[in-house]
PDB file of all heavy atoms in Angstrom:
ATOM      1  N   GLN A   1      -9.489  -1.364 -28.654  1.00  0.00           N
ATOM      2  CA  GLN A   1     -10.252  -2.525 -28.334  1.00  0.00           C
ATOM      3  C   GLN A   1     -11.249  -2.163 -27.240  1.00  0.00           C
ATOM      4  O   GLN A   1     -12.488  -2.776 -27.183  1.00  0.00           O
ATOM      5  CB  GLN A   1      -9.370  -3.614 -27.870  1.00  0.00           C
ATOM      6  CG  GLN A   1      -8.570  -4.258 -28.962  1.00  0.00           C
ATOM      7  CD  GLN A   1      -9.228  -4.956 -29.982  1.00  0.00           C
ATOM      8  OE1 GLN A   1      -8.958  -4.910 -31.137  1.00  0.00           O
ATOM      9  NE2 GLN A   1     -10.458  -5.617 -29.722  1.00  0.00           N
ATOM     10  N   SER A   2     -10.907  -1.234 -26.353  1.00  0.00           N
ATOM     11  CA  SER A   2     -11.907  -0.924 -25.281  1.00  0.00           C
ATOM     12  C   SER A   2     -13.024  -0.177 -25.713  1.00  0.00           C
ATOM     13  O   SER A   2     -14.095  -0.023 -24.957  1.00  0.00           O
ATOM     14  CB  SER A   2     -11.032   0.001 -24.168  1.00  0.00           C
ATOM     15  OG  SER A   2     -10.665   1.160 -24.760  1.00  0.00           O
ATOM     16  N   ASN A   3     -12.849   0.423 -26.897  1.00  0.00           N
ATOM     17  CA  ASN A   3     -14.037   1.138 -27.474  1.00  0.00           C
ATOM     18  C   ASN A   3     -15.008   0.273 -28.283  1.00  0.00           C
ATOM     19  O   ASN A   3     -16.047   0.707 -28.753  1.00  0.00           O
ATOM     20  CB  ASN A   3     -13.675   2.221 -28.407  1.00  0.00           C
ATOM     21  CG  ASN A   3     -12.881   3.391 -27.598  1.00  0.00           C
ATOM     22  OD1 ASN A   3     -13.244   3.643 -26.523  1.00  0.00           O
ATOM     23  ND2 ASN A   3     -12.010   4.015 -28.259  1.00  0.00           N
ATOM     24  N   LEU A   4     -14.546  -1.003 -28.433  1.00  0.00           N
ATOM     25  CA  LEU A   4     -15.484  -1.975 -29.257  1.00  0.00           C
ATOM     26  C   LEU A   4     -16.359  -2.741 -28.220  1.00  0.00           C
ATOM     27  O   LEU A   4     -15.847  -3.277 -27.181  1.00  0.00           O
ATOM     28  CB  LEU A   4     -14.737  -2.995 -29.921  1.00  0.00           C
ATOM     29  CG  LEU A   4     -13.765  -2.354 -31.143  1.00  0.00           C
ATOM     30  CD1 LEU A   4     -12.995  -3.446 -31.914  1.00  0.00           C
ATOM     31  CD2 LEU A   4     -14.703  -1.695 -32.193  1.00  0.00           C
ATOM     32  N   THR A   5     -17.596  -2.798 -28.438  1.00  0.00           N
ATOM     33  CA  THR A   5     -18.523  -3.539 -27.563  1.00  0.00           C
ATOM     34  C   THR A   5     -18.707  -4.840 -27.970  1.00  0.00           C
ATOM     35  O   THR A   5     -18.952  -5.133 -29.064  1.00  0.00           O
ATOM     36  CB  THR A   5     -19.821  -2.805 -27.529  1.00  0.00           C
ATOM     37  OG1 THR A   5     -19.751  -1.326 -27.170  1.00  0.00           O
ATOM     38  CG2 THR A   5     -20.822  -3.387 -26.517  1.00  0.00           C
ATOM     39  N   SER A   6     -18.492  -5.854 -27.000  1.00  0.00           N
ATOM     40  CA  SER A   6     -18.622  -7.271 -27.254  1.00  0.00           C
ATOM     41  C   SER A   6     -20.147  -7.540 -27.171  1.00  0.00           C
ATOM     42  O   SER A   6     -21.035  -6.810 -26.892  1.00  0.00           O
ATOM     43  CB  SER A   6     -18.093  -7.993 -26.106  1.00  0.00           C
ATOM     44  OG  SER A   6     -18.746  -7.923 -24.823  1.00  0.00           O
ATOM     45  N   PRO A   7     -20.502  -8.754 -27.806  1.00  0.00           N
ATOM     46  CA  PRO A   7     -21.866  -9.241 -27.963  1.00  0.00           C
ATOM     47  C   PRO A   7     -22.701  -9.115 -26.582  1.00  0.00           C
ATOM     48  O   PRO A   7     -23.886  -8.882 -26.515  1.00  0.00           O
ATOM     49  CB  PRO A   7     -21.862 -10.566 -28.494  1.00  0.00           C
ATOM     50  CG  PRO A   7     -20.689 -10.581 -29.212  1.00  0.00           C
ATOM     51  CD  PRO A   7     -19.682  -9.715 -28.425  1.00  0.00           C
ATOM     52  N   SER A   8     -22.085  -9.351 -25.388  1.00  0.00           N
ATOM     53  CA  SER A   8     -22.741  -9.251 -24.216  1.00  0.00           C
ATOM     54  C   SER A   8     -22.884  -7.880 -23.652  1.00  0.00           C
ATOM     55  O   SER A   8     -23.394  -7.766 -22.568  1.00  0.00           O
ATOM     56  CB  SER A   8     -21.810 -10.138 -23.095  1.00  0.00           C
ATOM     57  OG  SER A   8     -20.479  -9.519 -23.015  1.00  0.00           O
ATOM     58  N   GLY A   9     -22.405  -6.871 -24.331  1.00  0.00           N
ATOM     59  CA  GLY A   9     -22.486  -5.620 -23.925  1.00  0.00           C
ATOM     60  C   GLY A   9     -21.397  -5.054 -23.113  1.00  0.00           C
ATOM     61  O   GLY A   9     -21.481  -3.938 -22.694  1.00  0.00           O
ATOM     62  N   THR A  10     -20.409  -5.746 -22.958  1.00  0.00           N
ATOM     63  CA  THR A  10     -19.225  -5.288 -22.223  1.00  0.00           C
ATOM     64  C   THR A  10     -18.096  -5.072 -23.346  1.00  0.00           C
ATOM     65  O   THR A  10     -18.056  -5.611 -24.332  1.00  0.00           O
ATOM     66  CB  THR A  10     -18.885  -6.267 -21.168  1.00  0.00           C
ATOM     67  OG1 THR A  10     -18.425  -7.564 -21.676  1.00  0.00           O
ATOM     68  CG2 THR A  10     -19.907  -6.357 -20.061  1.00  0.00           C
ATOM     69  N   CYS A  11     -17.041  -4.363 -22.860  1.00  0.00           N
ATOM     70  CA  CYS A  11     -15.900  -4.048 -23.657  1.00  0.00           C
ATOM     71  C   CYS A  11     -14.861  -4.996 -23.196  1.00  0.00           C
ATOM     72  O   CYS A  11     -14.291  -4.889 -22.110  1.00  0.00           O
ATOM     73  CB  CYS A  11     -15.439  -2.621 -23.515  1.00  0.00           C
ATOM     74  SG  CYS A  11     -16.659  -1.482 -24.083  1.00  0.00           S
ATOM     75  N   PRO A  12     -14.416  -5.981 -24.033  1.00  0.00           N
ATOM     76  CA  PRO A  12     -13.356  -7.036 -23.603  1.00  0.00           C
ATOM     77  C   PRO A  12     -11.964  -6.311 -23.584  1.00  0.00           C
ATOM     78  O   PRO A  12     -11.745  -5.367 -24.480  1.00  0.00           O
ATOM     79  CB  PRO A  12     -13.416  -8.045 -24.683  1.00  0.00           C
ATOM     80  CG  PRO A  12     -13.996  -7.366 -25.885  1.00  0.00           C
ATOM     81  CD  PRO A  12     -14.878  -6.379 -25.354  1.00  0.00           C
ATOM     82  N   SER A  13     -11.180  -6.647 -22.769  1.00  0.00           N
ATOM     83  CA  SER A  13      -9.805  -6.175 -22.752  1.00  0.00           C
ATOM     84  C   SER A  13      -8.926  -6.973 -23.789  1.00  0.00           C
ATOM     85  O   SER A  13      -9.331  -7.901 -24.356  1.00  0.00           O
ATOM     86  CB  SER A  13      -9.158  -6.421 -21.372  1.00  0.00           C
ATOM     87  OG  SER A  13      -8.987  -7.662 -21.126  1.00  0.00           O
ATOM     88  N   LEU A  14      -7.777  -6.373 -24.085  1.00  0.00           N
ATOM     89  CA  LEU A  14      -6.857  -7.023 -25.073  1.00  0.00           C
ATOM     90  C   LEU A  14      -6.350  -8.408 -24.581  1.00  0.00           C
ATOM     91  O   LEU A  14      -6.348  -9.350 -25.349  1.00  0.00           O
ATOM     92  CB  LEU A  14      -5.680  -6.076 -25.330  1.00  0.00           C
ATOM     93  CG  LEU A  14      -4.895  -6.411 -26.549  1.00  0.00           C
ATOM     94  CD1 LEU A  14      -5.758  -6.283 -27.772  1.00  0.00           C
ATOM     95  CD2 LEU A  14      -3.786  -5.435 -26.698  1.00  0.00           C
ATOM     96  N   ASP A  15      -6.175  -8.559 -23.263  1.00  0.00           N
ATOM     97  CA  ASP A  15      -5.737  -9.761 -22.784  1.00  0.00           C
ATOM     98  C   ASP A  15      -6.920 -10.802 -22.801  1.00  0.00           C
ATOM     99  O   ASP A  15      -6.610 -12.034 -23.119  1.00  0.00           O
ATOM    100  CB  ASP A  15      -5.302  -9.652 -21.277  1.00  0.00           C
ATOM    101  CG  ASP A  15      -4.209  -8.717 -21.129  1.00  0.00           C
ATOM    102  OD1 ASP A  15      -3.300  -8.751 -22.084  1.00  0.00           O
ATOM    103  OD2 ASP A  15      -3.955  -7.972 -20.101  1.00  0.00           O
ATOM    104  N   GLN A  16      -8.174 -10.312 -22.603  1.00  0.00           N
ATOM    105  CA  GLN A  16      -9.287 -11.256 -22.661  1.00  0.00           C
ATOM    106  C   GLN A  16      -9.455 -11.882 -24.159  1.00  0.00           C
ATOM    107  O   GLN A  16      -9.708 -13.006 -24.430  1.00  0.00           O
ATOM    108  CB  GLN A  16     -10.475 -10.642 -22.153  1.00  0.00           C
ATOM    109  CG  GLN A  16     -10.596 -10.332 -20.587  1.00  0.00           C
ATOM    110  CD  GLN A  16     -11.789  -9.494 -20.288  1.00  0.00           C
ATOM    111  OE1 GLN A  16     -12.380  -8.755 -21.166  1.00  0.00           O
ATOM    112  NE2 GLN A  16     -12.259  -9.631 -19.115  1.00  0.00           N
ATOM    113  N   LEU A  17      -9.191 -10.932 -25.039  1.00  0.00           N
ATOM    114  CA  LEU A  17      -9.313 -11.298 -26.499  1.00  0.00           C
ATOM    115  C   LEU A  17      -8.249 -12.295 -26.883  1.00  0.00           C
ATOM    116  O   LEU A  17      -8.437 -13.295 -27.554  1.00  0.00           O
ATOM    117  CB  LEU A  17      -9.188 -10.034 -27.480  1.00  0.00           C
ATOM    118  CG  LEU A  17     -10.501  -9.104 -27.477  1.00  0.00           C
ATOM    119  CD1 LEU A  17     -10.022  -7.984 -28.262  1.00  0.00           C
ATOM    120  CD2 LEU A  17     -11.544  -9.859 -28.137  1.00  0.00           C
ATOM    121  N   SER A  18      -7.163 -12.149 -26.195  1.00  0.00           N
ATOM    122  CA  SER A  18      -6.008 -13.021 -26.478  1.00  0.00           C
ATOM    123  C   SER A  18      -6.243 -14.476 -26.025  1.00  0.00           C
ATOM    124  O   SER A  18      -6.102 -15.469 -26.598  1.00  0.00           O
ATOM    125  CB  SER A  18      -4.771 -12.566 -25.864  1.00  0.00           C
ATOM    126  OG  SER A  18      -4.362 -11.311 -26.433  1.00  0.00           O
ATOM    127  N   LEU A  19      -6.898 -14.482 -24.706  1.00  0.00           N
ATOM    128  CA  LEU A  19      -7.188 -15.666 -24.066  1.00  0.00           C
ATOM    129  C   LEU A  19      -8.372 -16.449 -24.795  1.00  0.00           C
ATOM    130  O   LEU A  19      -8.357 -17.622 -24.890  1.00  0.00           O
ATOM    131  CB  LEU A  19      -7.581 -15.543 -22.622  1.00  0.00           C
ATOM    132  CG  LEU A  19      -6.432 -15.037 -21.727  1.00  0.00           C
ATOM    133  CD1 LEU A  19      -6.862 -14.753 -20.351  1.00  0.00           C
ATOM    134  CD2 LEU A  19      -5.250 -16.145 -21.587  1.00  0.00           C
ATOM    135  N   ASN A  20      -9.282 -15.659 -25.299  1.00  0.00           N
ATOM    136  CA  ASN A  20     -10.441 -16.337 -25.841  1.00  0.00           C
ATOM    137  C   ASN A  20     -10.187 -16.869 -27.326  1.00  0.00           C
ATOM    138  O   ASN A  20     -10.810 -17.726 -27.704  1.00  0.00           O
ATOM    139  CB  ASN A  20     -11.562 -15.192 -26.014  1.00  0.00           C
ATOM    140  CG  ASN A  20     -12.099 -14.837 -24.765  1.00  0.00           C
ATOM    141  OD1 ASN A  20     -12.013 -15.583 -23.694  1.00  0.00           O
ATOM    142  ND2 ASN A  20     -12.746 -13.645 -24.631  1.00  0.00           N
ATOM    143  N   HIS A  21      -9.228 -16.194 -27.970  1.00  0.00           N
ATOM    144  CA  HIS A  21      -9.018 -16.710 -29.443  1.00  0.00           C
ATOM    145  C   HIS A  21      -7.785 -17.539 -29.590  1.00  0.00           C
ATOM    146  O   HIS A  21      -7.593 -17.974 -30.613  1.00  0.00           O
ATOM    147  CB  HIS A  21      -8.982 -15.474 -30.287  1.00  0.00           C
ATOM    148  CG  HIS A  21     -10.283 -14.711 -30.355  1.00  0.00           C
ATOM    149  ND1 HIS A  21     -10.783 -13.909 -29.405  1.00  0.00           N
ATOM    150  CD2 HIS A  21     -11.291 -14.776 -31.304  1.00  0.00           C
ATOM    151  CE1 HIS A  21     -12.029 -13.362 -29.837  1.00  0.00           C
ATOM    152  NE2 HIS A  21     -12.205 -13.932 -30.851  1.00  0.00           N
ATOM    153  N   ALA A  22      -6.804 -17.393 -28.657  1.00  0.00           N
ATOM    154  CA  ALA A  22      -5.513 -18.058 -28.821  1.00  0.00           C
ATOM    155  C   ALA A  22      -5.500 -19.505 -28.246  1.00  0.00           C
ATOM    156  O   ALA A  22      -6.319 -19.595 -27.159  1.00  0.00           O
ATOM    157  CB  ALA A  22      -4.432 -17.297 -28.190  1.00  0.00           C
ATOM    158  N   ALA A  23      -4.807 -20.347 -28.676  1.00  0.00           N
ATOM    159  CA  ALA A  23      -4.678 -21.678 -28.116  1.00  0.00           C
ATOM    160  C   ALA A  23      -3.959 -21.670 -26.763  1.00  0.00           C
ATOM    161  O   ALA A  23      -3.219 -20.792 -26.525  1.00  0.00           O
ATOM    162  CB  ALA A  23      -3.996 -22.695 -29.063  1.00  0.00           C
ATOM    163  N   PRO A  24      -4.275 -22.672 -25.966  1.00  0.00           N
ATOM    164  CA  PRO A  24      -3.605 -22.646 -24.681  1.00  0.00           C
ATOM    165  C   PRO A  24      -2.083 -22.691 -24.825  1.00  0.00           C
ATOM    166  O   PRO A  24      -1.518 -23.453 -25.748  1.00  0.00           O
ATOM    167  CB  PRO A  24      -4.238 -23.926 -24.068  1.00  0.00           C
ATOM    168  CG  PRO A  24      -5.445 -24.161 -24.671  1.00  0.00           C
ATOM    169  CD  PRO A  24      -5.374 -23.745 -26.171  1.00  0.00           C
ATOM    170  N   GLY A  25      -1.399 -21.970 -24.037  1.00  0.00           N
ATOM    171  CA  GLY A  25       0.121 -21.978 -24.106  1.00  0.00           C
ATOM    172  C   GLY A  25       0.657 -21.273 -25.384  1.00  0.00           C
ATOM    173  O   GLY A  25       1.798 -21.481 -25.529  1.00  0.00           O
ATOM    174  N   SER A  26      -0.121 -20.447 -25.855  1.00  0.00           N
ATOM    175  CA  SER A  26       0.360 -19.780 -27.074  1.00  0.00           C
ATOM    176  C   SER A  26       0.928 -18.346 -26.739  1.00  0.00           C
ATOM    177  O   SER A  26       0.673 -17.512 -27.452  1.00  0.00           O
ATOM    178  CB  SER A  26      -0.784 -19.558 -28.115  1.00  0.00           C
ATOM    179  OG  SER A  26      -1.920 -18.865 -27.705  1.00  0.00           O
ATOM    180  N   SER A  27       1.765 -18.226 -25.681  1.00  0.00           N
ATOM    181  CA  SER A  27       2.310 -17.010 -25.296  1.00  0.00           C
ATOM    182  C   SER A  27       3.369 -16.611 -26.319  1.00  0.00           C
ATOM    183  O   SER A  27       3.850 -15.486 -26.393  1.00  0.00           O
ATOM    184  CB  SER A  27       2.884 -17.150 -23.922  1.00  0.00           C
ATOM    185  OG  SER A  27       3.759 -18.130 -23.807  1.00  0.00           O
ATOM    186  N   VAL A  28       3.946 -17.633 -27.159  1.00  0.00           N
ATOM    187  CA  VAL A  28       4.699 -17.351 -28.140  1.00  0.00           C
ATOM    188  C   VAL A  28       4.162 -17.680 -29.407  1.00  0.00           C
ATOM    189  O   VAL A  28       2.984 -18.162 -29.534  1.00  0.00           O
ATOM    190  CB  VAL A  28       6.193 -18.020 -28.094  1.00  0.00           C
ATOM    191  CG1 VAL A  28       7.034 -17.403 -27.082  1.00  0.00           C
ATOM    192  CG2 VAL A  28       5.977 -19.475 -27.606  1.00  0.00           C
ATOM    193  N   ILE A  29       4.818 -17.509 -30.580  1.00  0.00           N
ATOM    194  CA  ILE A  29       4.213 -17.678 -31.850  1.00  0.00           C
ATOM    195  C   ILE A  29       3.806 -19.110 -32.140  1.00  0.00           C
ATOM    196  O   ILE A  29       4.472 -19.999 -31.719  1.00  0.00           O
ATOM    197  CB  ILE A  29       5.210 -17.161 -32.901  1.00  0.00           C
ATOM    198  CG1 ILE A  29       5.511 -15.662 -32.737  1.00  0.00           C
ATOM    199  CG2 ILE A  29       4.708 -17.396 -34.381  1.00  0.00           C
ATOM    200  CD1 ILE A  29       6.645 -15.294 -33.661  1.00  0.00           C
ATOM    201  N   ASP A  30       2.609 -19.273 -32.784  1.00  0.00           N
ATOM    202  CA  ASP A  30       2.151 -20.644 -33.257  1.00  0.00           C
ATOM    203  C   ASP A  30       2.972 -20.945 -34.506  1.00  0.00           C
ATOM    204  O   ASP A  30       2.742 -20.363 -35.588  1.00  0.00           O
ATOM    205  CB  ASP A  30       0.708 -20.529 -33.603  1.00  0.00           C
ATOM    206  CG  ASP A  30       0.152 -21.872 -34.160  1.00  0.00           C
ATOM    207  OD1 ASP A  30       0.866 -22.806 -34.151  1.00  0.00           O
ATOM    208  OD2 ASP A  30      -1.167 -21.923 -34.206  1.00  0.00           O
ATOM    209  N   PHE A  31       3.885 -21.764 -34.373  1.00  0.00           N
ATOM    210  CA  PHE A  31       4.829 -22.044 -35.437  1.00  0.00           C
ATOM    211  C   PHE A  31       4.231 -22.773 -36.595  1.00  0.00           C
ATOM    212  O   PHE A  31       4.542 -22.556 -37.761  1.00  0.00           O
ATOM    213  CB  PHE A  31       6.023 -22.982 -34.849  1.00  0.00           C
ATOM    214  CG  PHE A  31       6.988 -22.242 -34.070  1.00  0.00           C
ATOM    215  CD1 PHE A  31       6.800 -22.123 -32.560  1.00  0.00           C
ATOM    216  CD2 PHE A  31       8.063 -21.462 -34.590  1.00  0.00           C
ATOM    217  CE1 PHE A  31       7.624 -21.387 -31.928  1.00  0.00           C
ATOM    218  CE2 PHE A  31       8.837 -20.793 -33.750  1.00  0.00           C
ATOM    219  CZ  PHE A  31       8.703 -20.693 -32.365  1.00  0.00           C
ATOM    220  N   ALA A  32       3.229 -23.633 -36.420  1.00  0.00           N
ATOM    221  CA  ALA A  32       2.331 -24.170 -37.306  1.00  0.00           C
ATOM    222  C   ALA A  32       1.745 -23.149 -38.306  1.00  0.00           C
ATOM    223  O   ALA A  32       1.730 -23.204 -39.482  1.00  0.00           O
ATOM    224  CB  ALA A  32       1.483 -25.199 -36.786  1.00  0.00           C
ATOM    225  N   ARG A  33       1.157 -22.183 -37.665  1.00  0.00           N
ATOM    226  CA  ARG A  33       0.438 -21.188 -38.351  1.00  0.00           C
ATOM    227  C   ARG A  33       1.385 -20.258 -39.173  1.00  0.00           C
ATOM    228  O   ARG A  33       1.061 -19.589 -40.172  1.00  0.00           O
ATOM    229  CB  ARG A  33      -0.438 -20.364 -37.432  1.00  0.00           C
ATOM    230  CG  ARG A  33      -1.315 -19.327 -38.098  1.00  0.00           C
ATOM    231  CD  ARG A  33      -2.325 -18.783 -37.165  1.00  0.00           C
ATOM    232  NE  ARG A  33      -1.714 -18.162 -36.004  1.00  0.00           N
ATOM    233  CZ  ARG A  33      -1.224 -17.043 -36.028  1.00  0.00           C
ATOM    234  NH1 ARG A  33      -1.232 -16.230 -36.996  1.00  0.00           N
ATOM    235  NH2 ARG A  33      -0.533 -16.574 -34.896  1.00  0.00           N
ATOM    236  N   SER A  34       2.664 -20.148 -38.658  1.00  0.00           N
ATOM    237  CA  SER A  34       3.636 -19.299 -39.338  1.00  0.00           C
ATOM    238  C   SER A  34       4.585 -19.981 -40.323  1.00  0.00           C
ATOM    239  O   SER A  34       5.431 -19.414 -40.958  1.00  0.00           O
ATOM    240  CB  SER A  34       4.567 -18.756 -38.207  1.00  0.00           C
ATOM    241  OG  SER A  34       3.725 -17.989 -37.174  1.00  0.00           O
TER     242      SER A  34
END
């Protein structure tokens, strides 16, 4: 993930990707999606 360049020109971290795409409080599995 660090080798992938984001649209803003920076390399997002894995934790940032998790926060940007996951719903709030989804530190465990989204049971509805599973």
